[in-house]
C-alpha atoms as a PDB file:
ATOM      1  CA  MET A   1      12.632  84.139  38.622  1.00  0.00           C
ATOM      2  CA  LEU A   2      14.825  81.729  36.322  1.00  0.00           C
ATOM      3  CA  ASP A   3      12.746  80.491  33.442  1.00  0.00           C
ATOM      4  CA  ARG A   4      13.556  76.765  32.954  1.00  0.00           C
ATOM      5  CA  SER A   5      12.513  76.404  29.920  1.00  0.00           C
ATOM      6  CA  THR A   6      15.234  78.587  27.944  1.00  0.00           C
ATOM      7  CA  THR A   7      18.035  77.919  30.366  1.00  0.00           C
ATOM      8  CA  ALA A   8      20.918  75.627  28.439  1.00  0.00           C
ATOM      9  CA  PRO A   9      21.250  72.083  30.164  1.00  0.00           C
ATOM     10  CA  ASP A  10      24.776  72.791  31.245  1.00  0.00           C
ATOM     11  CA  SER A  11      24.469  76.391  32.028  1.00  0.00           C
ATOM     12  CA  PRO A  12      25.299  77.331  35.933  1.00  0.00           C
ATOM     13  CA  GLU A  13      21.775  77.803  36.295  1.00  0.00           C
ATOM     14  CA  ALA A  14      20.780  74.782  35.534  1.00  0.00           C
ATOM     15  CA  THR A  15      23.633  73.490  36.927  1.00  0.00           C
ATOM     16  CA  ASP A  16      21.777  74.846  40.369  1.00  0.00           C
ATOM     17  CA  LEU A  17      18.299  73.230  39.581  1.00  0.00           C
ATOM     18  CA  GLN A  18      18.595  70.303  37.620  1.00  0.00           C
ATOM     19  CA  PRO A  19      19.283  66.528  39.151  1.00  0.00           C
ATOM     20  CA  VAL A  20      22.554  65.755  37.495  1.00  0.00           C
ATOM     21  CA  SER A  21      20.286  62.420  36.144  1.00  0.00           C
ATOM     22  CA  GLU A  22      18.200  65.371  33.681  1.00  0.00           C
ATOM     23  CA  ARG A  23      21.631  67.047  32.648  1.00  0.00           C
ATOM     24  CA  ILE A  24      22.868  64.141  31.991  1.00  0.00           C
ATOM     25  CA  ARG A  25      19.877  62.422  30.192  1.00  0.00           C
ATOM     26  CA  ALA A  26      19.216  66.054  27.995  1.00  0.00           C
ATOM     27  CA  ARG A  27      22.843  65.426  26.583  1.00  0.00           C
ATOM     28  CA  LEU A  28      22.526  62.494  25.555  1.00  0.00           C
ATOM     29  CA  ILE A  29      18.978  63.152  23.963  1.00  0.00           C
ATOM     30  CA  GLU A  30      20.945  66.455  22.007  1.00  0.00           C
ATOM     31  CA  SER A  31      23.363  63.912  20.628  1.00  0.00           C
ATOM     32  CA  GLY A  32      20.999  61.117  19.638  1.00  0.00           C
ATOM     33  CA  GLN A  33      22.777  58.663  21.646  1.00  0.00           C
ATOM     34  CA  ARG A  34      20.458  55.947  22.821  1.00  0.00           C
ATOM     35  CA  PHE A  35      20.246  55.126  26.273  1.00  0.00           C
ATOM     36  CA  HIS A  36      18.696  51.818  27.177  1.00  0.00           C
ATOM     37  CA  ALA A  37      19.515  49.781  30.381  1.00  0.00           C
ATOM     38  CA  ASN A  38      22.571  47.907  28.521  1.00  0.00           C
ATOM     39  CA  ASP A  39      23.950  51.028  26.645  1.00  0.00           C
ATOM     40  CA  ASN A  40      27.172  52.481  27.933  1.00  0.00           C
ATOM     41  CA  ILE A  41      27.096  56.424  28.616  1.00  0.00           C
ATOM     42  CA  ALA A  42      30.531  56.716  30.064  1.00  0.00           C
ATOM     43  CA  ASP A  43      31.292  59.329  26.990  1.00  0.00           C
ATOM     44  CA  VAL A  44      28.831  62.115  27.962  1.00  0.00           C
ATOM     45  CA  LEU A  45      29.851  61.703  31.471  1.00  0.00           C
ATOM     46  CA  ARG A  46      31.668  64.879  33.193  1.00  0.00           C
ATOM     47  CA  GLU A  47      33.959  64.912  36.089  1.00  0.00           C
ATOM     48  CA  GLY A  48      32.054  64.892  39.414  1.00  0.00           C
ATOM     49  CA  GLU A  49      28.899  63.623  37.945  1.00  0.00           C
ATOM     50  CA  LEU A  50      28.949  59.837  39.144  1.00  0.00           C
ATOM     51  CA  ASP A  51      29.188  61.528  42.658  1.00  0.00           C
ATOM     52  CA  ALA A  52      26.313  63.575  42.080  1.00  0.00           C
ATOM     53  CA  LEU A  53      24.704  60.610  40.193  1.00  0.00           C
ATOM     54  CA  ARG A  54      25.006  58.257  43.484  1.00  0.00           C
ATOM     55  CA  ARG A  55      23.653  61.339  45.571  1.00  0.00           C
ATOM     56  CA  GLU A  56      20.651  61.292  43.471  1.00  0.00           C
ATOM     57  CA  VAL A  57      20.185  57.647  42.947  1.00  0.00           C
ATOM     58  CA  ALA A  58      20.257  57.330  47.332  1.00  0.00           C
ATOM     59  CA  GLN A  59      17.565  59.934  47.534  1.00  0.00           C
ATOM     60  CA  HIS A  60      15.245  58.346  45.335  1.00  0.00           C
ATOM     61  CA  MET A  61      16.296  54.823  46.880  1.00  0.00           C
ATOM     62  CA  GLN A  62      14.953  56.377  50.226  1.00  0.00           C
ATOM     63  CA  GLY A  63      11.703  57.217  48.690  1.00  0.00           C
ATOM     64  CA  VAL A  64      11.648  53.367  47.859  1.00  0.00           C
ATOM     65  CA  LEU A  65      12.090  52.271  50.973  1.00  0.00           C
ATOM     66  CA  SER A  66       9.934  54.873  52.708  1.00  0.00           C
ATOM     67  CA  ALA A  67       7.265  53.219  49.953  1.00  0.00           C
ATOM     68  CA  LEU A  68       7.712  49.923  51.422  1.00  0.00           C
ATOM     69  CA  VAL A  69       7.002  51.024  54.725  1.00  0.00           C
ATOM     70  CA  ILE A  70      10.522  50.489  56.330  1.00  0.00           C
ATOM     71  CA  ASP A  71      11.397  52.539  59.239  1.00  0.00           C
ATOM     72  CA  THR A  72      15.091  53.184  58.154  1.00  0.00           C
ATOM     73  CA  ALA A  73      15.034  55.629  61.379  1.00  0.00           C
ATOM     74  CA  SER A  74      14.682  53.106  64.113  1.00  0.00           C
ATOM     75  CA  ASP A  75      15.928  50.251  61.752  1.00  0.00           C
ATOM     76  CA  HIS A  76      19.807  49.823  62.249  1.00  0.00           C
ATOM     77  CA  ASN A  77      20.017  47.345  59.569  1.00  0.00           C
ATOM     78  CA  THR A  78      18.509  49.845  56.700  1.00  0.00           C
ATOM     79  CA  ALA A  79      19.416  53.450  58.074  1.00  0.00           C
ATOM     80  CA  GLU A  80      22.267  52.855  55.060  1.00  0.00           C
ATOM     81  CA  THR A  81      21.274  50.716  52.960  1.00  0.00           C
ATOM     82  CA  ALA A  82      19.757  53.528  50.188  1.00  0.00           C
ATOM     83  CA  LYS A  83      23.567  54.924  50.402  1.00  0.00           C
ATOM     84  CA  ARG A  84      24.596  51.503  49.650  1.00  0.00           C
ATOM     85  CA  VAL A  85      22.246  50.238  47.020  1.00  0.00           C
ATOM     86  CA  ALA A  86      23.159  53.430  45.206  1.00  0.00           C
ATOM     87  CA  LYS A  87      26.817  52.572  45.519  1.00  0.00           C
ATOM     88  CA  MET A  88      26.398  49.043  44.536  1.00  0.00           C
ATOM     89  CA  PHE A  89      23.687  50.191  41.388  1.00  0.00           C
ATOM     90  CA  VAL A  90      26.282  52.869  40.275  1.00  0.00           C
ATOM     91  CA  ASP A  91      29.824  51.073  41.102  1.00  0.00           C
ATOM     92  CA  GLU A  92      29.541  47.575  40.523  1.00  0.00           C
ATOM     93  CA  VAL A  93      26.585  45.818  39.163  1.00  0.00           C
ATOM     94  CA  PHE A  94      25.756  48.364  37.049  1.00  0.00           C
ATOM     95  CA  GLY A  95      29.244  49.934  36.498  1.00  0.00           C
ATOM     96  CA  GLY A  96      29.433  48.853  33.265  1.00  0.00           C
ATOM     97  CA  ARG A  97      26.904  51.438  31.683  1.00  0.00           C
ATOM     98  CA  TYR A  98      29.150  54.364  33.564  1.00  0.00           C
ATOM     99  CA  ARG A  99      32.662  53.424  32.908  1.00  0.00           C
ATOM    100  CA  PRO A 100      34.559  53.316  29.645  1.00  0.00           C
ATOM    101  CA  ALA A 101      35.660  50.314  28.064  1.00  0.00           C
ATOM    102  CA  PRO A 102      38.567  48.697  29.747  1.00  0.00           C
ATOM    103  CA  ALA A 103      41.998  49.190  27.844  1.00  0.00           C
ATOM    104  CA  VAL A 104      42.723  46.215  26.044  1.00  0.00           C
ATOM    105  CA  THR A 105      46.341  46.281  24.250  1.00  0.00           C
ATOM    106  CA  THR A 106      46.146  44.361  21.193  1.00  0.00           C
ATOM    107  CA  PHE A 107      49.333  42.661  19.529  1.00  0.00           C
ATOM    108  CA  PRO A 108      50.059  41.435  16.144  1.00  0.00           C
ATOM    109  CA  ASN A 109      49.460  37.773  14.984  1.00  0.00           C
ATOM    110  CA  ALA A 110      53.223  37.470  14.000  1.00  0.00           C
ATOM    111  CA  ALA A 111      53.091  33.438  14.269  1.00  0.00           C
ATOM    112  CA  ARG A 112      49.990  33.420  11.631  1.00  0.00           C
ATOM    113  CA  LEU A 113      48.036  31.799  14.183  1.00  0.00           C
ATOM    114  CA  ASN A 114      45.058  29.871  12.580  1.00  0.00           C
ATOM    115  CA  GLU A 115      43.896  27.420  14.919  1.00  0.00           C
ATOM    116  CA  LEU A 116      40.738  27.115  17.412  1.00  0.00           C
ATOM    117  CA  MET A 117      41.103  28.617  20.520  1.00  0.00           C
ATOM    118  CA  ILE A 118      38.531  28.509  23.458  1.00  0.00           C
ATOM    119  CA  VAL A 119      38.960  30.878  26.406  1.00  0.00           C
ATOM    120  CA  GLY A 120      36.533  30.136  29.762  1.00  0.00           C
ATOM    121  CA  PRO A 121      34.514  29.155  31.448  1.00  0.00           C
ATOM    122  CA  ILE A 122      34.259  33.208  32.320  1.00  0.00           C
ATOM    123  CA  ALA A 123      32.539  34.158  35.490  1.00  0.00           C
ATOM    124  CA  VAL A 124      29.063  36.676  34.949  1.00  0.00           C
ATOM    125  CA  ARG A 125      27.170  38.476  36.856  1.00  0.00           C
ATOM    126  CA  SER A 126      24.582  40.823  35.338  1.00  0.00           C
ATOM    127  CA  ALA A 127      21.053  41.532  36.364  1.00  0.00           C
ATOM    128  CA  CYS A 128      17.766  41.083  34.109  1.00  0.00           C
ATOM    129  CA  SER A 129      16.593  43.985  32.692  1.00  0.00           C
ATOM    130  CA  HIS A 130      12.726  43.303  33.537  1.00  0.00           C
ATOM    131  CA  HIS A 131      13.194  42.820  37.602  1.00  0.00           C
ATOM    132  CA  LEU A 132      17.027  43.415  38.498  1.00  0.00           C
ATOM    133  CA  CYS A 133      17.223  40.376  39.378  1.00  0.00           C
ATOM    134  CA  PRO A 134      20.481  38.633  39.322  1.00  0.00           C
ATOM    135  CA  ILE A 135      22.218  36.765  36.338  1.00  0.00           C
ATOM    136  CA  ILE A 136      25.221  34.242  37.171  1.00  0.00           C
ATOM    137  CA  GLY A 137      26.459  32.408  34.760  1.00  0.00           C
ATOM    138  CA  ARG A 138      29.692  31.538  32.464  1.00  0.00           C
ATOM    139  CA  VAL A 139      30.935  32.381  28.732  1.00  0.00           C
ATOM    140  CA  TRP A 140      33.132  30.481  26.258  1.00  0.00           C
ATOM    141  CA  ILE A 141      34.760  32.301  23.733  1.00  0.00           C
ATOM    142  CA  GLY A 142      35.910  31.039  20.600  1.00  0.00           C
ATOM    143  CA  VAL A 143      38.089  32.517  18.334  1.00  0.00           C
ATOM    144  CA  LEU A 144      39.465  31.643  14.764  1.00  0.00           C
ATOM    145  CA  PRO A 145      42.152  34.020  14.086  1.00  0.00           C
ATOM    146  CA  ASN A 146      43.964  34.922  10.728  1.00  0.00           C
ATOM    147  CA  ALA A 147      47.183  36.233   9.845  1.00  0.00           C
ATOM    148  CA  GLU A 148      45.732  40.017   9.996  1.00  0.00           C
ATOM    149  CA  SER A 149      44.036  39.393  13.634  1.00  0.00           C
ATOM    150  CA  GLU A 150      44.766  41.662  16.356  1.00  0.00           C
ATOM    151  CA  LEU A 151      45.464  39.383  19.126  1.00  0.00           C
ATOM    152  CA  ILE A 152      44.187  40.170  22.906  1.00  0.00           C
ATOM    153  CA  GLY A 153      45.698  38.790  26.354  1.00  0.00           C
ATOM    154  CA  LEU A 154      43.606  36.415  28.070  1.00  0.00           C
ATOM    155  CA  SER A 155      42.512  38.627  31.031  1.00  0.00           C
ATOM    156  CA  LYS A 156      41.382  41.088  28.770  1.00  0.00           C
ATOM    157  CA  TYR A 157      38.784  38.599  27.451  1.00  0.00           C
ATOM    158  CA  ALA A 158      37.623  38.931  30.986  1.00  0.00           C
ATOM    159  CA  ARG A 159      37.568  42.408  31.336  1.00  0.00           C
ATOM    160  CA  LEU A 160      35.373  42.935  28.054  1.00  0.00           C
ATOM    161  CA  THR A 161      32.956  40.153  29.218  1.00  0.00           C
ATOM    162  CA  ASP A 162      32.679  42.210  32.536  1.00  0.00           C
ATOM    163  CA  TRP A 163      32.377  45.518  31.246  1.00  0.00           C
ATOM    164  CA  ILE A 164      29.391  44.553  29.201  1.00  0.00           C
ATOM    165  CA  MET A 165      27.501  42.020  31.492  1.00  0.00           C
ATOM    166  CA  SER A 166      27.788  44.538  34.280  1.00  0.00           C
ATOM    167  CA  ARG A 167      24.283  46.429  32.699  1.00  0.00           C
ATOM    168  CA  PRO A 168      20.808  45.230  33.283  1.00  0.00           C
ATOM    169  CA  GLN A 169      20.597  42.856  30.472  1.00  0.00           C
ATOM    170  CA  ILE A 170      18.814  40.362  28.684  1.00  0.00           C
ATOM    171  CA  GLN A 171      20.940  37.345  27.717  1.00  0.00           C
ATOM    172  CA  GLU A 172      19.566  37.283  23.902  1.00  0.00           C
ATOM    173  CA  GLU A 173      21.564  40.512  23.518  1.00  0.00           C
ATOM    174  CA  ALA A 174      24.023  40.490  26.002  1.00  0.00           C
ATOM    175  CA  VAL A 175      25.942  37.389  23.865  1.00  0.00           C
ATOM    176  CA  VAL A 176      25.617  40.008  20.630  1.00  0.00           C
ATOM    177  CA  MET A 177      26.818  42.949  21.838  1.00  0.00           C
ATOM    178  CA  LEU A 178      30.170  41.043  23.392  1.00  0.00           C
ATOM    179  CA  ALA A 179      30.470  39.112  20.502  1.00  0.00           C
ATOM    180  CA  ASP A 180      30.193  42.517  18.391  1.00  0.00           C
ATOM    181  CA  GLU A 181      33.034  44.029  20.937  1.00  0.00           C
ATOM    182  CA  LEU A 182      35.443  41.192  20.092  1.00  0.00           C
ATOM    183  CA  GLU A 183      35.224  40.708  16.608  1.00  0.00           C
ATOM    184  CA  ALA A 184      35.448  44.570  15.992  1.00  0.00           C
ATOM    185  CA  ARG A 185      38.544  44.119  18.580  1.00  0.00           C
ATOM    186  CA  ILE A 186      40.294  41.243  16.720  1.00  0.00           C
ATOM    187  CA  ARG A 187      38.811  40.643  13.219  1.00  0.00           C
ATOM    188  CA  PRO A 188      39.121  37.136  13.550  1.00  0.00           C
ATOM    189  CA  ASP A 189      37.889  34.455  10.499  1.00  0.00           C
ATOM    190  CA  GLY A 190      35.599  33.078  13.278  1.00  0.00           C
ATOM    191  CA  LEU A 191      33.717  34.108  16.103  1.00  0.00           C
ATOM    192  CA  ALA A 192      32.023  32.150  19.040  1.00  0.00           C
ATOM    193  CA  VAL A 193      30.182  32.806  22.227  1.00  0.00           C
ATOM    194  CA  VAL A 194      28.306  30.756  24.758  1.00  0.00           C
ATOM    195  CA  MET A 195      26.769  31.952  27.771  1.00  0.00           C
ATOM    196  CA  GLU A 196      25.139  29.271  30.273  1.00  0.00           C
ATOM    197  CA  ALA A 197      23.563  31.223  33.040  1.00  0.00           C
ATOM    198  CA  ASP A 198      20.721  30.826  36.111  1.00  0.00           C
ATOM    199  CA  HIS A 199      18.361  33.721  35.838  1.00  0.00           C
ATOM    200  CA  PHE A 200      16.744  34.928  39.674  1.00  0.00           C
ATOM    201  CA  CYS A 201      13.604  36.482  38.131  1.00  0.00           C
ATOM    202  CA  MET A 202      12.671  32.760  37.593  1.00  0.00           C
ATOM    203  CA  HIS A 203      14.594  31.245  41.074  1.00  0.00           C
ATOM    204  CA  TRP A 204      13.699  33.864  43.599  1.00  0.00           C
ATOM    205  CA  ARG A 205       9.798  35.016  41.879  1.00  0.00           C
ATOM    206  CA  GLY A 206       7.565  33.972  39.383  1.00  0.00           C
ATOM    207  CA  VAL A 207       7.338  30.247  39.090  1.00  0.00           C
ATOM    208  CA  LYS A 208      10.454  29.906  41.819  1.00  0.00           C
ATOM    209  CA  ASP A 209      11.943  27.440  39.142  1.00  0.00           C
ATOM    210  CA  ASP A 210      15.694  26.997  40.442  1.00  0.00           C
ATOM    211  CA  GLN A 211      16.434  24.152  38.237  1.00  0.00           C
ATOM    212  CA  SER A 212      15.894  25.795  34.529  1.00  0.00           C
ATOM    213  CA  VAL A 213      19.565  27.665  32.743  1.00  0.00           C
ATOM    214  CA  MET A 214      19.287  29.230  29.892  1.00  0.00           C
ATOM    215  CA  THR A 215      22.188  28.824  27.004  1.00  0.00           C
ATOM    216  CA  ASN A 216      22.391  30.787  23.852  1.00  0.00           C
ATOM    217  CA  SER A 217      25.164  31.128  21.394  1.00  0.00           C
ATOM    218  CA  VAL A 218      26.687  33.658  18.719  1.00  0.00           C
ATOM    219  CA  MET A 219      28.152  32.314  15.842  1.00  0.00           C
ATOM    220  CA  ARG A 220      29.750  34.296  13.458  1.00  0.00           C
ATOM    221  CA  GLY A 221      31.889  34.029   9.872  1.00  0.00           C
ATOM    222  CA  ALA A 222      33.599  30.549   9.651  1.00  0.00           C
ATOM    223  CA  PHE A 223      32.035  28.915  12.840  1.00  0.00           C
ATOM    224  CA  GLN A 224      28.374  29.638  10.883  1.00  0.00           C
ATOM    225  CA  SER A 225      29.392  28.243   8.007  1.00  0.00           C
ATOM    226  CA  ASN A 226      31.728  25.504   8.985  1.00  0.00           C
ATOM    227  CA  SER A 227      30.037  22.705  10.855  1.00  0.00           C
ATOM    228  CA  ASP A 228      33.309  20.635  11.566  1.00  0.00           C
ATOM    229  CA  LEU A 229      34.468  23.806  13.466  1.00  0.00           C
ATOM    230  CA  ARG A 230      31.232  24.692  15.370  1.00  0.00           C
ATOM    231  CA  ARG A 231      30.972  21.286  16.447  1.00  0.00           C
ATOM    232  CA  GLU A 232      34.812  21.218  17.753  1.00  0.00           C
ATOM    233  CA  PHE A 233      34.232  24.357  19.608  1.00  0.00           C
ATOM    234  CA  LEU A 234      30.842  23.006  21.123  1.00  0.00           C
ATOM    235  CA  SER A 235      32.855  19.161  21.871  1.00  0.00           C
ATOM    236  CA  LEU A 236      35.540  21.342  23.838  1.00  0.00           C
ATOM    237  CA  ARG A 237      33.229  23.944  25.430  1.00  0.00           C
ATOM    238  CA  ARG A 238      31.628  20.655  27.137  1.00  0.00           C
ATOM    239  CA  ALA A 239      34.817  19.308  27.743  1.00  0.00           C
ATOM    240  CA  ALA A 240      35.746  22.315  29.993  1.00  0.00           C
ATOM    241  CA  ARG A 241      32.883  22.713  31.866  1.00  0.00           C
ATOM    242  CA  PRO A 242      33.561  22.462  35.666  1.00  0.00           C
END
């Protein structure tokens, strides 16, 4: 009998014995990489593992449906639900965990632009990591570039936002992650991110309050030190709200 405790995580023997999630987890632990709900783990995934992960998630989801006493064998509405949910989690609502960052072409600030630029509102669709309920909202981004900044195309702001938000998130952490990603790529004198969102963990469950909206912001560089610039950004953001 094969001793699993002495089998290398990615050996052929281990591949036959271990669920793909265990192999991925072992790789993450070995590399010292964090794998919280809002972390991206694309760099440790290997060819074919996402297909295997979908199948594994579907198996576990089928167990959840069974535990909820739902007769998926005779209920045509839920017969394929486990597979659909697995695909939705891995490819769509949590896809930002499993796919690498979108390709973002930068170009030099040849015109030496140094005026405030505002992008938004950008639609946000995420999920609360406490209950996996939807978070639906909008993001506004303010950039104050300098001569050395790398500029990115308008659509790339939306792609990066979607990549960050398509994971189980806490809104306060999500805006910081988005600000970090943009600041590293653009290297501006100032960066501002404001997110406004409905949380279905309040609308759909618990107090069932469908009026509350959460708004929070991150201010970096000139936006933090220059109150006039900050007011200008917030004023223009309000004017741009639909």
